[in-house]
C-alpha atoms as a PDB file:
ATOM      1  CA  MET A   1      15.893  79.548 -19.293  1.00  0.00           C
ATOM      2  CA  GLY A   2      17.694  76.897 -19.381  1.00  0.00           C
ATOM      3  CA  LYS A   3      18.448  74.399 -22.165  1.00  0.00           C
ATOM      4  CA  GLN A   4      16.970  71.516 -21.130  1.00  0.00           C
ATOM      5  CA  ALA A   5      14.048  73.846 -20.201  1.00  0.00           C
ATOM      6  CA  VAL A   6      13.699  75.471 -23.680  1.00  0.00           C
ATOM      7  CA  LYS A   7      13.953  71.575 -25.584  1.00  0.00           C
ATOM      8  CA  GLN A   8      11.015  70.499 -23.387  1.00  0.00           C
ATOM      9  CA  ALA A   9       8.792  73.440 -24.349  1.00  0.00           C
ATOM     10  CA  PHE A  10       9.862  73.006 -27.690  1.00  0.00           C
ATOM     11  CA  GLU A  11       8.444  69.043 -27.565  1.00  0.00           C
ATOM     12  CA  ASN A  12       5.357  69.723 -25.919  1.00  0.00           C
ATOM     13  CA  ASN A  13       4.446  71.890 -28.681  1.00  0.00           C
ATOM     14  CA  ALA A  14       5.372  69.892 -30.876  1.00  0.00           C
ATOM     15  CA  VAL A  15       3.217  67.358 -29.458  1.00  0.00           C
ATOM     16  CA  GLU A  16       0.515  69.622 -29.148  1.00  0.00           C
ATOM     17  CA  VAL A  17       0.070  70.717 -32.905  1.00  0.00           C
ATOM     18  CA  ALA A  18       0.553  66.711 -34.132  1.00  0.00           C
ATOM     19  CA  LEU A  19      -1.916  65.893 -31.902  1.00  0.00           C
ATOM     20  CA  GLU A  20      -4.153  68.384 -33.492  1.00  0.00           C
ATOM     21  CA  THR A  21      -3.499  67.331 -36.603  1.00  0.00           C
ATOM     22  CA  LEU A  22      -3.957  63.642 -35.661  1.00  0.00           C
ATOM     23  CA  GLY A  23      -7.119  64.679 -34.580  1.00  0.00           C
ATOM     24  CA  LYS A  24      -8.549  66.808 -37.882  1.00  0.00           C
ATOM     25  CA  SER A  25      -7.173  63.272 -39.547  1.00  0.00           C
ATOM     26  CA  ILE A  26      -9.559  61.149 -37.558  1.00  0.00           C
ATOM     27  CA  ALA A  27     -12.643  63.677 -37.471  1.00  0.00           C
ATOM     28  CA  ARG A  28     -12.247  63.377 -41.246  1.00  0.00           C
ATOM     29  CA  TRP A  29     -12.942  59.921 -41.220  1.00  0.00           C
ATOM     30  CA  THR A  30     -15.553  59.931 -39.436  1.00  0.00           C
ATOM     31  CA  ASP A  31     -19.057  60.884 -38.564  1.00  0.00           C
ATOM     32  CA  LYS A  32     -21.260  61.657 -35.539  1.00  0.00           C
ATOM     33  CA  ASP A  33     -20.910  59.027 -32.528  1.00  0.00           C
ATOM     34  CA  ASP A  34     -18.850  56.928 -36.040  1.00  0.00           C
ATOM     35  CA  GLN A  35     -15.968  53.454 -34.967  1.00  0.00           C
ATOM     36  CA  ARG A  36     -14.736  52.901 -37.766  1.00  0.00           C
ATOM     37  CA  MET A  37     -12.812  49.661 -39.443  1.00  0.00           C
ATOM     38  CA  THR A  38     -10.291  50.893 -42.358  1.00  0.00           C
ATOM     39  CA  ALA A  39      -8.929  49.658 -44.949  1.00  0.00           C
ATOM     40  CA  VAL A  40      -5.905  49.854 -42.737  1.00  0.00           C
ATOM     41  CA  PRO A  41      -5.595  46.293 -40.922  1.00  0.00           C
ATOM     42  CA  GLY A  42      -6.077  46.608 -37.485  1.00  0.00           C
ATOM     43  CA  LEU A  43      -6.963  49.596 -37.330  1.00  0.00           C
ATOM     44  CA  SER A  44     -10.361  51.434 -36.197  1.00  0.00           C
ATOM     45  CA  LEU A  45     -11.182  55.574 -36.207  1.00  0.00           C
ATOM     46  CA  TYR A  46     -13.838  56.423 -33.038  1.00  0.00           C
ATOM     47  CA  ARG A  47     -15.737  59.612 -33.087  1.00  0.00           C
ATOM     48  CA  ARG A  48     -18.251  60.673 -30.350  1.00  0.00           C
ATOM     49  CA  ASP A  49     -20.109  64.176 -29.780  1.00  0.00           C
ATOM     50  CA  GLU A  50     -20.857  63.410 -26.099  1.00  0.00           C
ATOM     51  CA  PRO A  51     -20.097  61.203 -22.906  1.00  0.00           C
ATOM     52  CA  SER A  52     -21.066  57.308 -23.255  1.00  0.00           C
ATOM     53  CA  ARG A  53     -22.366  55.429 -20.962  1.00  0.00           C
ATOM     54  CA  PRO A  54     -20.734  52.548 -19.332  1.00  0.00           C
ATOM     55  CA  THR A  55     -20.490  49.507 -21.600  1.00  0.00           C
ATOM     56  CA  SER A  56     -18.908  45.938 -20.596  1.00  0.00           C
ATOM     57  CA  ILE A  57     -16.640  45.279 -23.518  1.00  0.00           C
ATOM     58  CA  MET A  58     -13.310  42.792 -24.892  1.00  0.00           C
ATOM     59  CA  TYR A  59      -9.963  44.960 -24.714  1.00  0.00           C
ATOM     60  CA  GLU A  60      -8.490  42.582 -26.959  1.00  0.00           C
ATOM     61  CA  PRO A  61      -4.534  43.430 -27.656  1.00  0.00           C
ATOM     62  CA  ARG A  62      -4.557  46.738 -28.545  1.00  0.00           C
ATOM     63  CA  ILE A  63      -2.568  50.283 -28.411  1.00  0.00           C
ATOM     64  CA  CYS A  64      -5.715  53.124 -27.737  1.00  0.00           C
ATOM     65  CA  MET A  65      -4.823  56.665 -28.171  1.00  0.00           C
ATOM     66  CA  ILE A  66      -6.850  60.281 -27.896  1.00  0.00           C
ATOM     67  CA  ALA A  67      -6.253  62.604 -30.202  1.00  0.00           C
ATOM     68  CA  GLN A  68      -8.919  64.611 -28.533  1.00  0.00           C
ATOM     69  CA  GLY A  69     -11.144  63.648 -25.663  1.00  0.00           C
ATOM     70  CA  ALA A  70     -10.456  61.588 -22.448  1.00  0.00           C
ATOM     71  CA  LYS A  71     -12.137  57.584 -21.732  1.00  0.00           C
ATOM     72  CA  ARG A  72     -12.221  55.388 -18.822  1.00  0.00           C
ATOM     73  CA  VAL A  73     -12.080  51.795 -18.447  1.00  0.00           C
ATOM     74  CA  LEU A  74     -13.103  49.882 -15.720  1.00  0.00           C
ATOM     75  CA  LEU A  75     -10.725  46.642 -15.269  1.00  0.00           C
ATOM     76  CA  GLY A  76     -12.488  44.370 -11.908  1.00  0.00           C
ATOM     77  CA  ASP A  77     -11.141  46.878  -8.915  1.00  0.00           C
ATOM     78  CA  ASP A  78      -8.862  49.349 -11.208  1.00  0.00           C
ATOM     79  CA  THR A  79      -9.326  52.467 -13.073  1.00  0.00           C
ATOM     80  CA  TYR A  80      -7.264  53.981 -15.911  1.00  0.00           C
ATOM     81  CA  VAL A  81      -7.741  57.610 -16.961  1.00  0.00           C
ATOM     82  CA  TYR A  82      -5.667  57.625 -20.460  1.00  0.00           C
ATOM     83  CA  ASP A  83      -6.320  61.368 -22.607  1.00  0.00           C
ATOM     84  CA  PRO A  84      -4.196  62.708 -25.568  1.00  0.00           C
ATOM     85  CA  ARG A  85      -1.237  62.968 -23.531  1.00  0.00           C
ATOM     86  CA  HIS A  86      -1.313  59.334 -22.549  1.00  0.00           C
ATOM     87  CA  PHE A  87      -2.157  56.196 -24.752  1.00  0.00           C
ATOM     88  CA  LEU A  88      -3.574  52.745 -22.969  1.00  0.00           C
ATOM     89  CA  ILE A  89      -1.965  49.694 -23.986  1.00  0.00           C
ATOM     90  CA  THR A  90      -3.546  46.241 -23.376  1.00  0.00           C
ATOM     91  CA  SER A  91      -1.605  43.366 -23.641  1.00  0.00           C
ATOM     92  CA  VAL A  92      -4.409  40.151 -23.519  1.00  0.00           C
ATOM     93  CA  ASP A  93      -7.827  39.807 -23.802  1.00  0.00           C
ATOM     94  CA  LEU A  94      -9.647  42.038 -20.690  1.00  0.00           C
ATOM     95  CA  PRO A  95     -13.111  42.062 -19.902  1.00  0.00           C
ATOM     96  CA  THR A  96     -13.875  45.795 -19.105  1.00  0.00           C
ATOM     97  CA  VAL A  97     -16.577  48.080 -18.455  1.00  0.00           C
ATOM     98  CA  VAL A  98     -15.754  51.545 -20.278  1.00  0.00           C
ATOM     99  CA  GLN A  99     -16.832  54.825 -20.586  1.00  0.00           C
ATOM    100  CA  VAL A 100     -16.201  57.904 -22.870  1.00  0.00           C
ATOM    101  CA  ILE A 101     -15.912  60.626 -20.330  1.00  0.00           C
ATOM    102  CA  ASN A 102     -14.902  63.887 -22.438  1.00  0.00           C
ATOM    103  CA  ALA A 103     -16.342  64.808 -25.481  1.00  0.00           C
ATOM    104  CA  SER A 104     -19.036  67.247 -27.006  1.00  0.00           C
ATOM    105  CA  ARG A 105     -20.183  68.499 -30.137  1.00  0.00           C
ATOM    106  CA  GLU A 106     -17.349  71.207 -30.386  1.00  0.00           C
ATOM    107  CA  LYS A 107     -15.012  69.405 -29.288  1.00  0.00           C
ATOM    108  CA  PRO A 108     -15.937  65.881 -29.478  1.00  0.00           C
ATOM    109  CA  TYR A 109     -13.906  62.827 -28.685  1.00  0.00           C
ATOM    110  CA  LEU A 110     -11.840  61.369 -31.255  1.00  0.00           C
ATOM    111  CA  GLY A 111      -9.480  57.998 -30.805  1.00  0.00           C
ATOM    112  CA  LEU A 112      -8.000  55.275 -32.962  1.00  0.00           C
ATOM    113  CA  ILE A 113      -7.228  51.685 -31.972  1.00  0.00           C
ATOM    114  CA  LEU A 114      -4.345  49.635 -33.456  1.00  0.00           C
ATOM    115  CA  LYS A 115      -4.330  45.599 -32.699  1.00  0.00           C
ATOM    116  CA  LEU A 116      -1.151  44.102 -31.405  1.00  0.00           C
ATOM    117  CA  ASP A 117       0.470  41.047 -33.689  1.00  0.00           C
ATOM    118  CA  GLN A 118       2.193  39.336 -31.093  1.00  0.00           C
ATOM    119  CA  ARG A 119       3.746  36.873 -33.851  1.00  0.00           C
ATOM    120  CA  GLU A 120       5.022  40.713 -35.769  1.00  0.00           C
ATOM    121  CA  ILE A 121       6.437  41.916 -32.132  1.00  0.00           C
ATOM    122  CA  SER A 122       8.085  38.890 -31.310  1.00  0.00           C
ATOM    123  CA  GLN A 123       9.582  38.913 -34.372  1.00  0.00           C
ATOM    124  CA  LEU A 124      10.052  42.569 -34.058  1.00  0.00           C
ATOM    125  CA  MET A 125      11.795  41.456 -30.619  1.00  0.00           C
ATOM    126  CA  VAL A 126      14.035  38.503 -32.298  1.00  0.00           C
ATOM    127  CA  ASP A 127      15.192  41.307 -35.346  1.00  0.00           C
ATOM    128  CA  SER A 128      15.987  44.217 -33.004  1.00  0.00           C
ATOM    129  CA  ASN A 129      17.968  42.117 -30.438  1.00  0.00           C
ATOM    130  CA  LEU A 130      15.971  43.418 -27.599  1.00  0.00           C
ATOM    131  CA  PRO A 131      16.766  41.149 -24.540  1.00  0.00           C
ATOM    132  CA  PRO A 132      14.203  39.123 -23.600  1.00  0.00           C
ATOM    133  CA  PRO A 133      11.855  40.257 -20.484  1.00  0.00           C
ATOM    134  CA  ARG A 134      13.307  39.642 -16.592  1.00  0.00           C
ATOM    135  CA  PRO A 135      11.666  36.976 -14.977  1.00  0.00           C
ATOM    136  CA  GLN A 136       9.023  38.849 -12.841  1.00  0.00           C
ATOM    137  CA  GLN A 137       5.923  38.808 -10.972  1.00  0.00           C
ATOM    138  CA  SER A 138       2.665  39.299 -12.937  1.00  0.00           C
ATOM    139  CA  SER A 139       1.142  42.848 -13.657  1.00  0.00           C
ATOM    140  CA  ARG A 140      -1.742  43.841 -15.350  1.00  0.00           C
ATOM    141  CA  GLY A 141      -1.970  42.842 -18.531  1.00  0.00           C
ATOM    142  CA  MET A 142      -3.354  46.924 -19.038  1.00  0.00           C
ATOM    143  CA  ALA A 143      -1.365  50.207 -18.666  1.00  0.00           C
ATOM    144  CA  THR A 144      -1.133  53.675 -19.266  1.00  0.00           C
ATOM    145  CA  GLY A 145       2.114  54.885 -20.907  1.00  0.00           C
ATOM    146  CA  GLU A 146       3.051  58.525 -22.009  1.00  0.00           C
ATOM    147  CA  VAL A 147       2.725  59.079 -25.575  1.00  0.00           C
ATOM    148  CA  THR A 148       5.511  60.752 -27.492  1.00  0.00           C
ATOM    149  CA  LEU A 149       6.431  62.641 -30.994  1.00  0.00           C
ATOM    150  CA  PRO A 150       7.706  59.690 -32.352  1.00  0.00           C
ATOM    151  CA  LEU A 151       4.538  57.463 -31.777  1.00  0.00           C
ATOM    152  CA  LEU A 152       2.715  60.300 -32.852  1.00  0.00           C
ATOM    153  CA  THR A 153       3.578  61.023 -36.071  1.00  0.00           C
ATOM    154  CA  ALA A 154       4.018  57.126 -37.185  1.00  0.00           C
ATOM    155  CA  PHE A 155       0.161  56.704 -35.992  1.00  0.00           C
ATOM    156  CA  GLN A 156      -0.480  60.222 -38.409  1.00  0.00           C
ATOM    157  CA  ARG A 157       1.273  58.301 -41.507  1.00  0.00           C
ATOM    158  CA  LEU A 158      -0.802  55.489 -40.724  1.00  0.00           C
ATOM    159  CA  ILE A 159      -4.024  57.377 -40.953  1.00  0.00           C
ATOM    160  CA  ASP A 160      -2.235  59.455 -44.094  1.00  0.00           C
ATOM    161  CA  LEU A 161      -2.496  55.680 -46.122  1.00  0.00           C
ATOM    162  CA  LEU A 162      -6.753  55.618 -46.424  1.00  0.00           C
ATOM    163  CA  ASP A 163      -5.904  58.397 -49.039  1.00  0.00           C
ATOM    164  CA  GLU A 164      -3.821  55.916 -50.862  1.00  0.00           C
ATOM    165  CA  PRO A 165      -5.187  52.413 -50.710  1.00  0.00           C
ATOM    166  CA  LYS A 166      -2.930  50.927 -52.927  1.00  0.00           C
ATOM    167  CA  ASP A 167      -0.218  51.991 -50.908  1.00  0.00           C
ATOM    168  CA  ILE A 168      -1.020  49.969 -47.493  1.00  0.00           C
ATOM    169  CA  PRO A 169      -0.713  46.660 -48.415  1.00  0.00           C
ATOM    170  CA  ILE A 170       2.577  47.660 -48.376  1.00  0.00           C
ATOM    171  CA  LEU A 171       3.091  50.217 -46.453  1.00  0.00           C
ATOM    172  CA  ALA A 172       1.065  49.873 -43.682  1.00  0.00           C
ATOM    173  CA  PRO A 173       2.514  46.834 -42.441  1.00  0.00           C
ATOM    174  CA  ILE A 174       6.100  48.876 -41.898  1.00  0.00           C
ATOM    175  CA  ILE A 175       4.516  51.107 -40.309  1.00  0.00           C
ATOM    176  CA  GLN A 176       3.008  49.485 -37.644  1.00  0.00           C
ATOM    177  CA  ARG A 177       6.031  47.328 -37.341  1.00  0.00           C
ATOM    178  CA  GLU A 178       7.821  50.426 -36.366  1.00  0.00           C
ATOM    179  CA  ILE A 179       4.726  51.313 -33.975  1.00  0.00           C
ATOM    180  CA  PHE A 180       5.155  47.830 -32.476  1.00  0.00           C
ATOM    181  CA  TYR A 181       9.131  48.730 -31.811  1.00  0.00           C
ATOM    182  CA  ARG A 182       8.563  52.397 -30.550  1.00  0.00           C
ATOM    183  CA  LEU A 183       6.174  50.724 -27.501  1.00  0.00           C
ATOM    184  CA  LEU A 184       8.901  47.811 -27.377  1.00  0.00           C
ATOM    185  CA  VAL A 185      11.621  50.591 -26.426  1.00  0.00           C
ATOM    186  CA  GLY A 186       8.691  52.531 -24.541  1.00  0.00           C
ATOM    187  CA  ASP A 187       7.845  52.841 -20.705  1.00  0.00           C
ATOM    188  CA  GLN A 188       5.666  50.116 -21.374  1.00  0.00           C
ATOM    189  CA  GLY A 189       8.183  47.821 -23.535  1.00  0.00           C
ATOM    190  CA  ALA A 190       8.804  44.811 -20.493  1.00  0.00           C
ATOM    191  CA  ARG A 191       4.579  44.269 -20.441  1.00  0.00           C
ATOM    192  CA  LEU A 192       4.781  43.586 -24.217  1.00  0.00           C
ATOM    193  CA  ARG A 193       7.871  41.823 -24.040  1.00  0.00           C
ATOM    194  CA  GLN A 194       6.432  39.809 -21.646  1.00  0.00           C
ATOM    195  CA  MET A 195       3.046  38.880 -23.433  1.00  0.00           C
ATOM    196  CA  ALA A 196       5.077  38.002 -26.857  1.00  0.00           C
ATOM    197  CA  SER A 197       7.756  35.613 -24.913  1.00  0.00           C
ATOM    198  CA  ALA A 198       7.091  32.247 -25.079  1.00  0.00           C
ATOM    199  CA  GLY A 199       7.045  30.611 -22.226  1.00  0.00           C
ATOM    200  CA  SER A 200       6.405  33.437 -20.023  1.00  0.00           C
ATOM    201  CA  GLN A 201       3.639  33.665 -17.201  1.00  0.00           C
ATOM    202  CA  SER A 202       1.913  35.642 -19.013  1.00  0.00           C
ATOM    203  CA  HIS A 203       2.248  33.967 -22.098  1.00  0.00           C
ATOM    204  CA  GLN A 204       0.951  31.001 -20.394  1.00  0.00           C
ATOM    205  CA  ILE A 205      -2.122  32.998 -18.826  1.00  0.00           C
ATOM    206  CA  ALA A 206      -2.591  34.342 -22.684  1.00  0.00           C
ATOM    207  CA  ARG A 207      -2.690  30.815 -23.642  1.00  0.00           C
ATOM    208  CA  ALA A 208      -5.053  29.654 -21.009  1.00  0.00           C
ATOM    209  CA  ILE A 209      -7.551  32.793 -21.640  1.00  0.00           C
ATOM    210  CA  TYR A 210      -7.760  32.080 -25.492  1.00  0.00           C
ATOM    211  CA  TRP A 211      -8.323  28.633 -24.549  1.00  0.00           C
ATOM    212  CA  LEU A 212     -11.503  29.804 -21.601  1.00  0.00           C
ATOM    213  CA  LYS A 213     -12.707  31.928 -25.305  1.00  0.00           C
ATOM    214  CA  GLY A 214     -12.780  29.022 -27.275  1.00  0.00           C
ATOM    215  CA  ASN A 215     -14.716  27.005 -24.484  1.00  0.00           C
ATOM    216  CA  PHE A 216     -16.529  29.141 -22.015  1.00  0.00           C
ATOM    217  CA  THR A 217     -19.702  27.137 -22.785  1.00  0.00           C
ATOM    218  CA  GLN A 218     -17.810  23.904 -21.584  1.00  0.00           C
ATOM    219  CA  PRO A 219     -17.236  22.950 -17.304  1.00  0.00           C
ATOM    220  CA  LEU A 220     -14.052  24.129 -16.764  1.00  0.00           C
ATOM    221  CA  HIS A 221     -11.837  21.960 -14.172  1.00  0.00           C
ATOM    222  CA  ILE A 222      -9.142  24.250 -13.217  1.00  0.00           C
ATOM    223  CA  ASP A 223      -6.826  21.886 -12.451  1.00  0.00           C
ATOM    224  CA  ASN A 224      -6.802  20.686 -16.047  1.00  0.00           C
ATOM    225  CA  LEU A 225      -6.494  23.617 -17.713  1.00  0.00           C
ATOM    226  CA  ALA A 226      -3.567  24.728 -15.254  1.00  0.00           C
ATOM    227  CA  ALA A 227      -1.770  21.797 -16.974  1.00  0.00           C
ATOM    228  CA  GLN A 228      -2.511  22.356 -19.958  1.00  0.00           C
ATOM    229  CA  VAL A 229      -0.181  26.009 -20.009  1.00  0.00           C
ATOM    230  CA  ASN A 230       2.485  23.798 -18.013  1.00  0.00           C
ATOM    231  CA  MET A 231       1.353  26.010 -14.060  1.00  0.00           C
ATOM    232  CA  SER A 232       0.528  24.699 -10.634  1.00  0.00           C
ATOM    233  CA  THR A 233      -3.292  25.412 -10.049  1.00  0.00           C
ATOM    234  CA  SER A 234      -1.909  27.730  -7.286  1.00  0.00           C
ATOM    235  CA  THR A 235       0.284  29.294  -9.574  1.00  0.00           C
ATOM    236  CA  PHE A 236      -2.276  29.393 -11.778  1.00  0.00           C
ATOM    237  CA  HIS A 237      -4.788  31.025 -10.362  1.00  0.00           C
ATOM    238  CA  HIS A 238      -2.105  33.388  -8.412  1.00  0.00           C
ATOM    239  CA  HIS A 239      -0.776  34.712 -12.116  1.00  0.00           C
ATOM    240  CA  PHE A 240      -4.356  35.061 -13.637  1.00  0.00           C
ATOM    241  CA  ARG A 241      -5.809  37.112 -11.131  1.00  0.00           C
ATOM    242  CA  ALA A 242      -2.787  39.163 -11.372  1.00  0.00           C
ATOM    243  CA  LEU A 243      -2.859  39.744 -14.923  1.00  0.00           C
ATOM    244  CA  THR A 244      -6.865  40.142 -15.505  1.00  0.00           C
ATOM    245  CA  ALA A 245      -7.679  41.450 -12.565  1.00  0.00           C
ATOM    246  CA  MET A 246     -10.793  38.222 -11.664  1.00  0.00           C
ATOM    247  CA  SER A 247     -10.423  34.550 -11.255  1.00  0.00           C
ATOM    248  CA  PRO A 248     -10.272  32.172 -14.547  1.00  0.00           C
ATOM    249  CA  LEU A 249     -14.446  31.435 -12.845  1.00  0.00           C
ATOM    250  CA  GLN A 250     -15.075  34.610 -13.251  1.00  0.00           C
ATOM    251  CA  TYR A 251     -13.586  35.409 -16.528  1.00  0.00           C
ATOM    252  CA  ARG A 252     -16.111  32.751 -17.601  1.00  0.00           C
ATOM    253  CA  LYS A 253     -19.035  34.502 -16.294  1.00  0.00           C
ATOM    254  CA  TRP A 254     -18.371  37.127 -17.726  1.00  0.00           C
ATOM    255  CA  LEU A 255     -17.387  35.182 -21.298  1.00  0.00           C
ATOM    256  CA  ARG A 256     -20.907  33.607 -20.890  1.00  0.00           C
ATOM    257  CA  LEU A 257     -23.638  36.729 -20.155  1.00  0.00           C
ATOM    258  CA  ASN A 258     -21.935  38.816 -22.351  1.00  0.00           C
ATOM    259  CA  GLU A 259     -22.365  35.837 -25.648  1.00  0.00           C
ATOM    260  CA  ALA A 260     -26.213  35.847 -23.740  1.00  0.00           C
ATOM    261  CA  ARG A 261     -26.406  39.234 -23.987  1.00  0.00           C
ATOM    262  CA  ARG A 262     -25.541  39.263 -27.500  1.00  0.00           C
ATOM    263  CA  LEU A 263     -27.904  36.074 -28.571  1.00  0.00           C
ATOM    264  CA  MET A 264     -30.833  38.021 -26.940  1.00  0.00           C
ATOM    265  CA  LEU A 265     -29.879  41.471 -28.854  1.00  0.00           C
ATOM    266  CA  ALA A 266     -29.120  40.316 -31.873  1.00  0.00           C
ATOM    267  CA  GLU A 267     -30.924  37.156 -31.711  1.00  0.00           C
ATOM    268  CA  ASN A 268     -33.719  37.785 -30.248  1.00  0.00           C
ATOM    269  CA  GLN A 269     -33.557  34.698 -28.194  1.00  0.00           C
ATOM    270  CA  ASP A 270     -35.315  34.369 -24.443  1.00  0.00           C
ATOM    271  CA  ALA A 271     -33.318  35.071 -21.665  1.00  0.00           C
ATOM    272  CA  THR A 272     -33.954  31.101 -20.756  1.00  0.00           C
ATOM    273  CA  THR A 273     -32.828  30.027 -24.146  1.00  0.00           C
ATOM    274  CA  ALA A 274     -29.339  32.486 -23.785  1.00  0.00           C
ATOM    275  CA  ALA A 275     -28.625  30.982 -20.914  1.00  0.00           C
ATOM    276  CA  PHE A 276     -28.554  27.379 -21.941  1.00  0.00           C
ATOM    277  CA  GLN A 277     -26.866  27.719 -25.047  1.00  0.00           C
ATOM    278  CA  VAL A 278     -23.805  29.837 -22.987  1.00  0.00           C
ATOM    279  CA  GLY A 279     -23.448  26.864 -20.370  1.00  0.00           C
ATOM    280  CA  TYR A 280     -26.175  27.997 -17.345  1.00  0.00           C
ATOM    281  CA  GLU A 281     -27.687  24.983 -16.079  1.00  0.00           C
ATOM    282  CA  SER A 282     -30.276  27.425 -13.895  1.00  0.00           C
ATOM    283  CA  PRO A 283     -32.217  30.210 -15.277  1.00  0.00           C
ATOM    284  CA  SER A 284     -32.554  31.973 -12.213  1.00  0.00           C
ATOM    285  CA  GLN A 285     -29.099  32.002 -11.531  1.00  0.00           C
ATOM    286  CA  PHE A 286     -28.525  33.165 -14.872  1.00  0.00           C
ATOM    287  CA  SER A 287     -30.347  35.823 -13.963  1.00  0.00           C
ATOM    288  CA  ARG A 288     -29.031  36.955 -10.863  1.00  0.00           C
ATOM    289  CA  GLU A 289     -25.770  36.760 -12.050  1.00  0.00           C
ATOM    290  CA  TYR A 290     -27.073  38.294 -15.168  1.00  0.00           C
ATOM    291  CA  SER A 291     -28.141  41.636 -13.330  1.00  0.00           C
ATOM    292  CA  ARG A 292     -25.538  42.416 -10.873  1.00  0.00           C
ATOM    293  CA  LEU A 293     -23.034  42.697 -14.065  1.00  0.00           C
ATOM    294  CA  PHE A 294     -25.494  44.438 -16.167  1.00  0.00           C
ATOM    295  CA  GLY A 295     -27.103  46.516 -13.638  1.00  0.00           C
ATOM    296  CA  ASN A 296     -30.460  45.322 -14.874  1.00  0.00           C
ATOM    297  CA  SER A 297     -32.689  41.745 -15.013  1.00  0.00           C
ATOM    298  CA  PRO A 298     -31.813  40.402 -18.770  1.00  0.00           C
ATOM    299  CA  LEU A 299     -35.423  41.545 -20.160  1.00  0.00           C
ATOM    300  CA  ARG A 300     -34.944  45.071 -18.493  1.00  0.00           C
ATOM    301  CA  ASP A 301     -31.528  45.285 -20.019  1.00  0.00           C
ATOM    302  CA  VAL A 302     -32.017  44.474 -23.702  1.00  0.00           C
ATOM    303  CA  THR A 303     -35.365  46.142 -23.895  1.00  0.00           C
ATOM    304  CA  ASN A 304     -33.477  49.296 -22.819  1.00  0.00           C
ATOM    305  CA  LEU A 305     -30.780  48.841 -24.948  1.00  0.00           C
ATOM    306  CA  ARG A 306     -32.801  48.349 -28.233  1.00  0.00           C
ATOM    307  CA  GLN A 307     -34.939  52.494 -26.770  1.00  0.00           C
ATOM    308  CA  THR A 308     -31.455  53.459 -26.972  1.00  0.00           C
ATOM    309  CA  ALA A 309     -30.437  52.257 -30.499  1.00  0.00           C
ATOM    310  CA  THR A 310     -33.282  53.234 -31.706  1.00  0.00           C
ATOM    311  CA  ILE A 311     -33.128  56.766 -29.837  1.00  0.00           C
ATOM    312  CA  GLU A 312     -29.430  57.108 -31.699  1.00  0.00           C
ATOM    313  CA  THR A 313     -30.746  55.977 -35.138  1.00  0.00           C
END
């Protein structure tokens, strides 16, 4: 066996040991089917003892790591599967359908999420003298990358801080900054630099997404929104779809329908009231589009969700 092969085998073994240690740490801080926000800002830990149903959620800018198990994420017609050897990174807010596909009581799904701080990443680019991203065609705001040993050890140190709460305000930002740096110089670094660079197409689309999230109940005039982020209408359409896998109108529809679902489930609103509150003028149109997205009528979908919650409880 050559030196390169020996080195690779050593690194692979070190990564496996680091993943096992990380998994034990996540398991220690979580219970069955648990989703836990930690005392470390932006860090959440996840555990599932069985595969989950496909769930429609918004993926904010984040890095997702898995110590054990696997997850599938659907973005438009694209499918992303990640596992302990691959992380998932999201550079803008993206409507997705997610599903844990590998989990059991003996080997539960164990994962974590760390939110990305755009300001911190921008400052880190300046402090590190990293070159600005090259002008390029917009690509999806989601990708998978190879897990590295330095990235794993940094996350392990972040979780270890949970045992020393008094150290979190001082040390957590330092470790998070290291994690962002590892990402910036890694195989998905160009994607992050695009997100954090003012004036880049990804940054302009991110501004439009921010506006849509705050104004999805209002009428949408694409020309005005494109002008607001300094793009022509055709260019705006092209780059929005390239980044999010959907048009601005489809994106707004997703926001409206998911908010209506929340209103019916959490605030016991009927379908018609929820539809009007999120901006629909036609209850029948709302019902058609809701059924198309969630696979059931509003009433049947919410009833099923409540029954599932009761069973799991």
